[in-house]
Amino acid sequence: MKKLLGPTWVEINLDAIAKNVRNIKKLIGEKKELMAIVKGNAYGHDILEVSSVVLNNGATRLALARLEEGIFLRKAGITVP
């Protein structure tokens, strides 16, 4: 059978993620909390790296899908709810 698909990859622009979080925070205001969804290893984009970026740019909470993700983040020093 002929192989139809080649290798795939995704490139993540962490600066763009940071900018998006800051822009959302501007829209909702400083008094509102912002929860970033980072389940599934941040959709395969490195949960620790993405979590750090969103938290450093205005997110105050993280949403996960699995207990193991929370344990991993706690062990890495991320303590937000």
PDB file of N, CA and C in Angstrom:
ATOM      1  N   MET A   1       0.845  -1.177   0.000  1.00  0.00           N
ATOM      2  CA  MET A   1       0.000   0.000   0.000  1.00  0.00           C
ATOM      3  C   MET A   1       0.889   1.238   0.000  1.00  0.00           C
ATOM      4  N   LYS A   2       0.548   2.184  -0.812  1.00  0.00           N
ATOM      5  CA  LYS A   2       1.318   3.420  -0.923  1.00  0.00           C
ATOM      6  C   LYS A   2       1.087   4.292   0.311  1.00  0.00           C
ATOM      7  N   LYS A   3       2.174   4.803   0.856  1.00  0.00           N
ATOM      8  CA  LYS A   3       2.086   5.695   2.006  1.00  0.00           C
ATOM      9  C   LYS A   3       1.581   7.056   1.527  1.00  0.00           C
ATOM     10  N   LEU A   4       0.453   7.500   2.087  1.00  0.00           N
ATOM     11  CA  LEU A   4      -0.169   8.736   1.633  1.00  0.00           C
ATOM     12  C   LEU A   4       0.247   9.960   2.434  1.00  0.00           C
ATOM     13  N   LEU A   5       0.629   9.762   3.656  1.00  0.00           N
ATOM     14  CA  LEU A   5       0.951  10.891   4.518  1.00  0.00           C
ATOM     15  C   LEU A   5       2.415  10.874   4.914  1.00  0.00           C
ATOM     16  N   GLY A   6       3.024  12.028   4.923  1.00  0.00           N
ATOM     17  CA  GLY A   6       4.393  12.149   5.394  1.00  0.00           C
ATOM     18  C   GLY A   6       4.398  12.490   6.873  1.00  0.00           C
ATOM     19  N   PRO A   7       5.569  12.722   7.411  1.00  0.00           N
ATOM     20  CA  PRO A   7       5.653  13.090   8.824  1.00  0.00           C
ATOM     21  C   PRO A   7       4.969  14.439   9.062  1.00  0.00           C
ATOM     22  N   THR A   8       4.416  14.600  10.237  1.00  0.00           N
ATOM     23  CA  THR A   8       3.760  15.859  10.587  1.00  0.00           C
ATOM     24  C   THR A   8       4.433  16.471  11.803  1.00  0.00           C
ATOM     25  N   TRP A   9       4.302  17.775  11.935  1.00  0.00           N
ATOM     26  CA  TRP A   9       4.826  18.468  13.108  1.00  0.00           C
ATOM     27  C   TRP A   9       4.050  19.756  13.276  1.00  0.00           C
ATOM     28  N   VAL A  10       4.207  20.341  14.433  1.00  0.00           N
ATOM     29  CA  VAL A  10       3.572  21.625  14.709  1.00  0.00           C
ATOM     30  C   VAL A  10       4.613  22.521  15.364  1.00  0.00           C
ATOM     31  N   GLU A  11       4.600  23.764  15.010  1.00  0.00           N
ATOM     32  CA  GLU A  11       5.494  24.738  15.629  1.00  0.00           C
ATOM     33  C   GLU A  11       4.646  25.689  16.454  1.00  0.00           C
ATOM     34  N   ILE A  12       5.007  25.847  17.705  1.00  0.00           N
ATOM     35  CA  ILE A  12       4.253  26.688  18.622  1.00  0.00           C
ATOM     36  C   ILE A  12       5.007  27.990  18.838  1.00  0.00           C
ATOM     37  N   ASN A  13       4.303  29.083  18.686  1.00  0.00           N
ATOM     38  CA  ASN A  13       4.884  30.403  18.914  1.00  0.00           C
ATOM     39  C   ASN A  13       4.473  30.844  20.317  1.00  0.00           C
ATOM     40  N   LEU A  14       5.374  30.655  21.277  1.00  0.00           N
ATOM     41  CA  LEU A  14       5.061  30.989  22.661  1.00  0.00           C
ATOM     42  C   LEU A  14       4.846  32.485  22.850  1.00  0.00           C
ATOM     43  N   ASP A  15       5.500  33.298  22.041  1.00  0.00           N
ATOM     44  CA  ASP A  15       5.267  34.746  22.114  1.00  0.00           C
ATOM     45  C   ASP A  15       3.827  35.075  21.718  1.00  0.00           C
ATOM     46  N   ALA A  16       3.307  34.368  20.734  1.00  0.00           N
ATOM     47  CA  ALA A  16       1.920  34.592  20.315  1.00  0.00           C
ATOM     48  C   ALA A  16       0.949  34.146  21.407  1.00  0.00           C
ATOM     49  N   ILE A  17       1.243  33.030  22.052  1.00  0.00           N
ATOM     50  CA  ILE A  17       0.400  32.576  23.163  1.00  0.00           C
ATOM     51  C   ILE A  17       0.409  33.619  24.271  1.00  0.00           C
ATOM     52  N   ALA A  18       1.587  34.128  24.601  1.00  0.00           N
ATOM     53  CA  ALA A  18       1.706  35.154  25.642  1.00  0.00           C
ATOM     54  C   ALA A  18       0.897  36.393  25.273  1.00  0.00           C
ATOM     55  N   LYS A  19       1.011  36.827  24.043  1.00  0.00           N
ATOM     56  CA  LYS A  19       0.278  38.012  23.589  1.00  0.00           C
ATOM     57  C   LYS A  19      -1.229  37.776  23.643  1.00  0.00           C
ATOM     58  N   ASN A  20      -1.666  36.596  23.232  1.00  0.00           N
ATOM     59  CA  ASN A  20      -3.091  36.272  23.271  1.00  0.00           C
ATOM     60  C   ASN A  20      -3.630  36.313  24.699  1.00  0.00           C
ATOM     61  N   VAL A  21      -2.873  35.769  25.631  1.00  0.00           N
ATOM     62  CA  VAL A  21      -3.300  35.779  27.033  1.00  0.00           C
ATOM     63  C   VAL A  21      -3.391  37.214  27.544  1.00  0.00           C
ATOM     64  N   ARG A  22      -2.405  38.028  27.239  1.00  0.00           N
ATOM     65  CA  ARG A  22      -2.437  39.435  27.672  1.00  0.00           C
ATOM     66  C   ARG A  22      -3.638  40.170  27.069  1.00  0.00           C
ATOM     67  N   ASN A  23      -3.920  39.915  25.801  1.00  0.00           N
ATOM     68  CA  ASN A  23      -5.066  40.559  25.149  1.00  0.00           C
ATOM     69  C   ASN A  23      -6.398  40.115  25.759  1.00  0.00           C
ATOM     70  N   ILE A  24      -6.518  38.835  26.048  1.00  0.00           N
ATOM     71  CA  ILE A  24      -7.740  38.345  26.686  1.00  0.00           C
ATOM     72  C   ILE A  24      -7.896  38.983  28.062  1.00  0.00           C
ATOM     73  N   LYS A  25      -6.791  39.066  28.796  1.00  0.00           N
ATOM     74  CA  LYS A  25      -6.836  39.669  30.130  1.00  0.00           C
ATOM     75  C   LYS A  25      -7.277  41.135  30.045  1.00  0.00           C
ATOM     76  N   LYS A  26      -6.815  41.850  29.031  1.00  0.00           N
ATOM     77  CA  LYS A  26      -7.253  43.241  28.837  1.00  0.00           C
ATOM     78  C   LYS A  26      -8.759  43.304  28.601  1.00  0.00           C
ATOM     79  N   LEU A  27      -9.275  42.364  27.823  1.00  0.00           N
ATOM     80  CA  LEU A  27     -10.708  42.342  27.512  1.00  0.00           C
ATOM     81  C   LEU A  27     -11.570  42.057  28.740  1.00  0.00           C
ATOM     82  N   ILE A  28     -11.133  41.125  29.577  1.00  0.00           N
ATOM     83  CA  ILE A  28     -11.966  40.732  30.716  1.00  0.00           C
ATOM     84  C   ILE A  28     -11.720  41.597  31.943  1.00  0.00           C
ATOM     85  N   GLY A  29     -10.591  42.283  31.984  1.00  0.00           N
ATOM     86  CA  GLY A  29     -10.284  43.153  33.111  1.00  0.00           C
ATOM     87  C   GLY A  29      -9.466  42.453  34.187  1.00  0.00           C
ATOM     88  N   GLU A  30      -8.789  43.253  34.964  1.00  0.00           N
ATOM     89  CA  GLU A  30      -7.888  42.728  35.994  1.00  0.00           C
ATOM     90  C   GLU A  30      -8.624  42.037  37.141  1.00  0.00           C
ATOM     91  N   LYS A  31      -9.877  42.391  37.372  1.00  0.00           N
ATOM     92  CA  LYS A  31     -10.616  41.804  38.495  1.00  0.00           C
ATOM     93  C   LYS A  31     -11.134  40.397  38.202  1.00  0.00           C
ATOM     94  N   LYS A  32     -11.107  39.993  36.953  1.00  0.00           N
ATOM     95  CA  LYS A  32     -11.575  38.660  36.560  1.00  0.00           C
ATOM     96  C   LYS A  32     -10.392  37.704  36.475  1.00  0.00           C
ATOM     97  N   GLU A  33     -10.654  36.458  36.841  1.00  0.00           N
ATOM     98  CA  GLU A  33      -9.616  35.438  36.710  1.00  0.00           C
ATOM     99  C   GLU A  33      -9.694  34.805  35.325  1.00  0.00           C
ATOM    100  N   LEU A  34      -8.551  34.345  34.853  1.00  0.00           N
ATOM    101  CA  LEU A  34      -8.467  33.705  33.542  1.00  0.00           C
ATOM    102  C   LEU A  34      -7.921  32.293  33.723  1.00  0.00           C
ATOM    103  N   MET A  35      -8.668  31.314  33.258  1.00  0.00           N
ATOM    104  CA  MET A  35      -8.239  29.921  33.344  1.00  0.00           C
ATOM    105  C   MET A  35      -7.786  29.453  31.968  1.00  0.00           C
ATOM    106  N   ALA A  36      -6.567  28.978  31.894  1.00  0.00           N
ATOM    107  CA  ALA A  36      -6.025  28.443  30.643  1.00  0.00           C
ATOM    108  C   ALA A  36      -6.240  26.930  30.617  1.00  0.00           C
ATOM    109  N   ILE A  37      -6.685  26.430  29.494  1.00  0.00           N
ATOM    110  CA  ILE A  37      -6.912  24.994  29.323  1.00  0.00           C
ATOM    111  C   ILE A  37      -5.618  24.376  28.801  1.00  0.00           C
ATOM    112  N   VAL A  38      -5.000  23.526  29.620  1.00  0.00           N
ATOM    113  CA  VAL A  38      -3.723  22.911  29.232  1.00  0.00           C
ATOM    114  C   VAL A  38      -3.791  21.384  29.311  1.00  0.00           C
ATOM    115  N   LYS A  39      -5.014  20.848  29.240  1.00  0.00           N
ATOM    116  CA  LYS A  39      -5.183  19.395  29.316  1.00  0.00           C
ATOM    117  C   LYS A  39      -4.475  18.707  28.152  1.00  0.00           C
ATOM    118  N   GLY A  40      -4.224  17.437  28.324  1.00  0.00           N
ATOM    119  CA  GLY A  40      -3.609  16.660  27.245  1.00  0.00           C
ATOM    120  C   GLY A  40      -2.227  17.162  26.879  1.00  0.00           C
ATOM    121  N   ASN A  41      -1.424  17.460  27.924  1.00  0.00           N
ATOM    122  CA  ASN A  41      -0.070  17.994  27.703  1.00  0.00           C
ATOM    123  C   ASN A  41      -0.129  19.278  26.877  1.00  0.00           C
ATOM    124  N   ALA A  42      -1.103  20.141  27.242  1.00  0.00           N
ATOM    125  CA  ALA A  42      -1.337  21.401  26.509  1.00  0.00           C
ATOM    126  C   ALA A  42      -1.574  21.088  25.031  1.00  0.00           C
ATOM    127  N   TYR A  43      -2.439  20.098  24.827  1.00  0.00           N
ATOM    128  CA  TYR A  43      -2.779  19.637  23.474  1.00  0.00           C
ATOM    129  C   TYR A  43      -1.532  19.197  22.700  1.00  0.00           C
ATOM    130  N   GLY A  44      -0.597  18.589  23.445  1.00  0.00           N
ATOM    131  CA  GLY A  44       0.614  18.063  22.827  1.00  0.00           C
ATOM    132  C   GLY A  44       1.721  19.078  22.649  1.00  0.00           C
ATOM    133  N   HIS A  45       1.586  20.233  23.292  1.00  0.00           N
ATOM    134  CA  HIS A  45       2.560  21.303  23.077  1.00  0.00           C
ATOM    135  C   HIS A  45       3.464  21.577  24.274  1.00  0.00           C
ATOM    136  N   ASP A  46       3.553  20.668  25.215  1.00  0.00           N
ATOM    137  CA  ASP A  46       4.405  20.766  26.407  1.00  0.00           C
ATOM    138  C   ASP A  46       3.707  21.537  27.527  1.00  0.00           C
ATOM    139  N   ILE A  47       3.056  20.796  28.388  1.00  0.00           N
ATOM    140  CA  ILE A  47       2.242  21.378  29.450  1.00  0.00           C
ATOM    141  C   ILE A  47       3.034  22.316  30.357  1.00  0.00           C
ATOM    142  N   LEU A  48       4.267  21.977  30.661  1.00  0.00           N
ATOM    143  CA  LEU A  48       5.050  22.823  31.563  1.00  0.00           C
ATOM    144  C   LEU A  48       5.405  24.148  30.901  1.00  0.00           C
ATOM    145  N   GLU A  49       5.838  24.091  29.678  1.00  0.00           N
ATOM    146  CA  GLU A  49       6.225  25.307  28.963  1.00  0.00           C
ATOM    147  C   GLU A  49       5.019  26.225  28.727  1.00  0.00           C
ATOM    148  N   VAL A  50       3.930  25.662  28.247  1.00  0.00           N
ATOM    149  CA  VAL A  50       2.740  26.469  27.976  1.00  0.00           C
ATOM    150  C   VAL A  50       2.148  27.004  29.280  1.00  0.00           C
ATOM    151  N   SER A  51       2.106  26.184  30.319  1.00  0.00           N
ATOM    152  CA  SER A  51       1.581  26.641  31.607  1.00  0.00           C
ATOM    153  C   SER A  51       2.384  27.813  32.142  1.00  0.00           C
ATOM    154  N   SER A  52       3.683  27.727  32.061  1.00  0.00           N
ATOM    155  CA  SER A  52       4.534  28.826  32.529  1.00  0.00           C
ATOM    156  C   SER A  52       4.260  30.103  31.749  1.00  0.00           C
ATOM    157  N   VAL A  53       4.130  29.997  30.451  1.00  0.00           N
ATOM    158  CA  VAL A  53       3.879  31.178  29.614  1.00  0.00           C
ATOM    159  C   VAL A  53       2.534  31.811  29.953  1.00  0.00           C
ATOM    160  N   VAL A  54       1.486  31.008  30.041  1.00  0.00           N
ATOM    161  CA  VAL A  54       0.170  31.598  30.300  1.00  0.00           C
ATOM    162  C   VAL A  54       0.087  32.195  31.694  1.00  0.00           C
ATOM    163  N   LEU A  55       0.705  31.551  32.664  1.00  0.00           N
ATOM    164  CA  LEU A  55       0.679  32.082  34.029  1.00  0.00           C
ATOM    165  C   LEU A  55       1.492  33.363  34.146  1.00  0.00           C
ATOM    166  N   ASN A  56       2.581  33.447  33.434  1.00  0.00           N
ATOM    167  CA  ASN A  56       3.414  34.653  33.474  1.00  0.00           C
ATOM    168  C   ASN A  56       2.805  35.817  32.707  1.00  0.00           C
ATOM    169  N   ASN A  57       1.713  35.569  31.997  1.00  0.00           N
ATOM    170  CA  ASN A  57       1.112  36.622  31.176  1.00  0.00           C
ATOM    171  C   ASN A  57      -0.337  36.926  31.527  1.00  0.00           C
ATOM    172  N   GLY A  58      -0.807  36.437  32.652  1.00  0.00           N
ATOM    173  CA  GLY A  58      -2.121  36.852  33.120  1.00  0.00           C
ATOM    174  C   GLY A  58      -3.094  35.767  33.521  1.00  0.00           C
ATOM    175  N   ALA A  59      -2.863  34.531  33.118  1.00  0.00           N
ATOM    176  CA  ALA A  59      -3.751  33.455  33.563  1.00  0.00           C
ATOM    177  C   ALA A  59      -3.526  33.229  35.056  1.00  0.00           C
ATOM    178  N   THR A  60      -4.598  32.897  35.761  1.00  0.00           N
ATOM    179  CA  THR A  60      -4.497  32.685  37.203  1.00  0.00           C
ATOM    180  C   THR A  60      -4.845  31.261  37.609  1.00  0.00           C
ATOM    181  N   ARG A  61      -5.352  30.484  36.671  1.00  0.00           N
ATOM    182  CA  ARG A  61      -5.735  29.097  36.938  1.00  0.00           C
ATOM    183  C   ARG A  61      -5.439  28.245  35.708  1.00  0.00           C
ATOM    184  N   LEU A  62      -5.335  26.944  35.940  1.00  0.00           N
ATOM    185  CA  LEU A  62      -5.108  26.005  34.847  1.00  0.00           C
ATOM    186  C   LEU A  62      -6.178  24.922  34.887  1.00  0.00           C
ATOM    187  N   ALA A  63      -6.652  24.514  33.733  1.00  0.00           N
ATOM    188  CA  ALA A  63      -7.614  23.413  33.634  1.00  0.00           C
ATOM    189  C   ALA A  63      -6.908  22.196  33.046  1.00  0.00           C
ATOM    190  N   LEU A  64      -7.072  21.073  33.720  1.00  0.00           N
ATOM    191  CA  LEU A  64      -6.417  19.827  33.328  1.00  0.00           C
ATOM    192  C   LEU A  64      -7.467  18.747  33.111  1.00  0.00           C
ATOM    193  N   ALA A  65      -7.064  17.656  32.513  1.00  0.00           N
ATOM    194  CA  ALA A  65      -7.980  16.540  32.310  1.00  0.00           C
ATOM    195  C   ALA A  65      -7.669  15.374  33.241  1.00  0.00           C
ATOM    196  N   ARG A  66      -6.433  15.266  33.665  1.00  0.00           N
ATOM    197  CA  ARG A  66      -6.022  14.088  34.425  1.00  0.00           C
ATOM    198  C   ARG A  66      -5.266  14.489  35.683  1.00  0.00           C
ATOM    199  N   LEU A  67      -5.466  13.721  36.715  1.00  0.00           N
ATOM    200  CA  LEU A  67      -4.771  13.947  37.977  1.00  0.00           C
ATOM    201  C   LEU A  67      -3.259  13.947  37.774  1.00  0.00           C
ATOM    202  N   GLU A  68      -2.779  13.074  36.914  1.00  0.00           N
ATOM    203  CA  GLU A  68      -1.342  12.970  36.672  1.00  0.00           C
ATOM    204  C   GLU A  68      -0.750  14.284  36.165  1.00  0.00           C
ATOM    205  N   GLU A  69      -1.519  15.025  35.381  1.00  0.00           N
ATOM    206  CA  GLU A  69      -1.042  16.321  34.892  1.00  0.00           C
ATOM    207  C   GLU A  69      -0.859  17.288  36.053  1.00  0.00           C
ATOM    208  N   GLY A  70      -1.802  17.291  36.979  1.00  0.00           N
ATOM    209  CA  GLY A  70      -1.696  18.152  38.150  1.00  0.00           C
ATOM    210  C   GLY A  70      -0.511  17.783  39.022  1.00  0.00           C
ATOM    211  N   ILE A  71      -0.302  16.503  39.218  1.00  0.00           N
ATOM    212  CA  ILE A  71       0.846  16.044  40.010  1.00  0.00           C
ATOM    213  C   ILE A  71       2.142  16.471  39.339  1.00  0.00           C
ATOM    214  N   PHE A  72       2.220  16.307  38.036  1.00  0.00           N
ATOM    215  CA  PHE A  72       3.415  16.710  37.292  1.00  0.00           C
ATOM    216  C   PHE A  72       3.691  18.200  37.474  1.00  0.00           C
ATOM    217  N   LEU A  73       2.646  19.036  37.333  1.00  0.00           N
ATOM    218  CA  LEU A  73       2.833  20.481  37.472  1.00  0.00           C
ATOM    219  C   LEU A  73       3.229  20.853  38.898  1.00  0.00           C
ATOM    220  N   ARG A  74       2.618  20.211  39.891  1.00  0.00           N
ATOM    221  CA  ARG A  74       2.986  20.496  41.284  1.00  0.00           C
ATOM    222  C   ARG A  74       4.459  20.158  41.525  1.00  0.00           C
ATOM    223  N   LYS A  75       4.887  19.012  41.044  1.00  0.00           N
ATOM    224  CA  LYS A  75       6.291  18.615  41.219  1.00  0.00           C
ATOM    225  C   LYS A  75       7.235  19.575  40.510  1.00  0.00           C
ATOM    226  N   ALA A  76       6.747  20.225  39.456  1.00  0.00           N
ATOM    227  CA  ALA A  76       7.562  21.194  38.709  1.00  0.00           C
ATOM    228  C   ALA A  76       7.516  22.580  39.354  1.00  0.00           C
ATOM    229  N   GLY A  77       6.730  22.724  40.422  1.00  0.00           N
ATOM    230  CA  GLY A  77       6.694  23.992  41.144  1.00  0.00           C
ATOM    231  C   GLY A  77       5.531  24.904  40.811  1.00  0.00           C
ATOM    232  N   ILE A  78       4.614  24.454  39.981  1.00  0.00           N
ATOM    233  CA  ILE A  78       3.442  25.269  39.645  1.00  0.00           C
ATOM    234  C   ILE A  78       2.346  24.944  40.655  1.00  0.00           C
ATOM    235  N   THR A  79       1.898  25.960  41.383  1.00  0.00           N
ATOM    236  CA  THR A  79       0.986  25.717  42.501  1.00  0.00           C
ATOM    237  C   THR A  79      -0.372  26.392  42.363  1.00  0.00           C
ATOM    238  N   VAL A  80      -0.667  26.996  41.228  1.00  0.00           N
ATOM    239  CA  VAL A  80      -1.973  27.646  41.064  1.00  0.00           C
ATOM    240  C   VAL A  80      -3.071  26.589  41.011  1.00  0.00           C
ATOM    241  N   PRO A  81      -4.304  27.013  41.345  1.00  0.00           N
ATOM    242  CA  PRO A  81      -5.412  26.049  41.243  1.00  0.00           C
ATOM    243  C   PRO A  81      -5.671  25.653  39.794  1.00  0.00           C
TER     244      PRO A  81
END
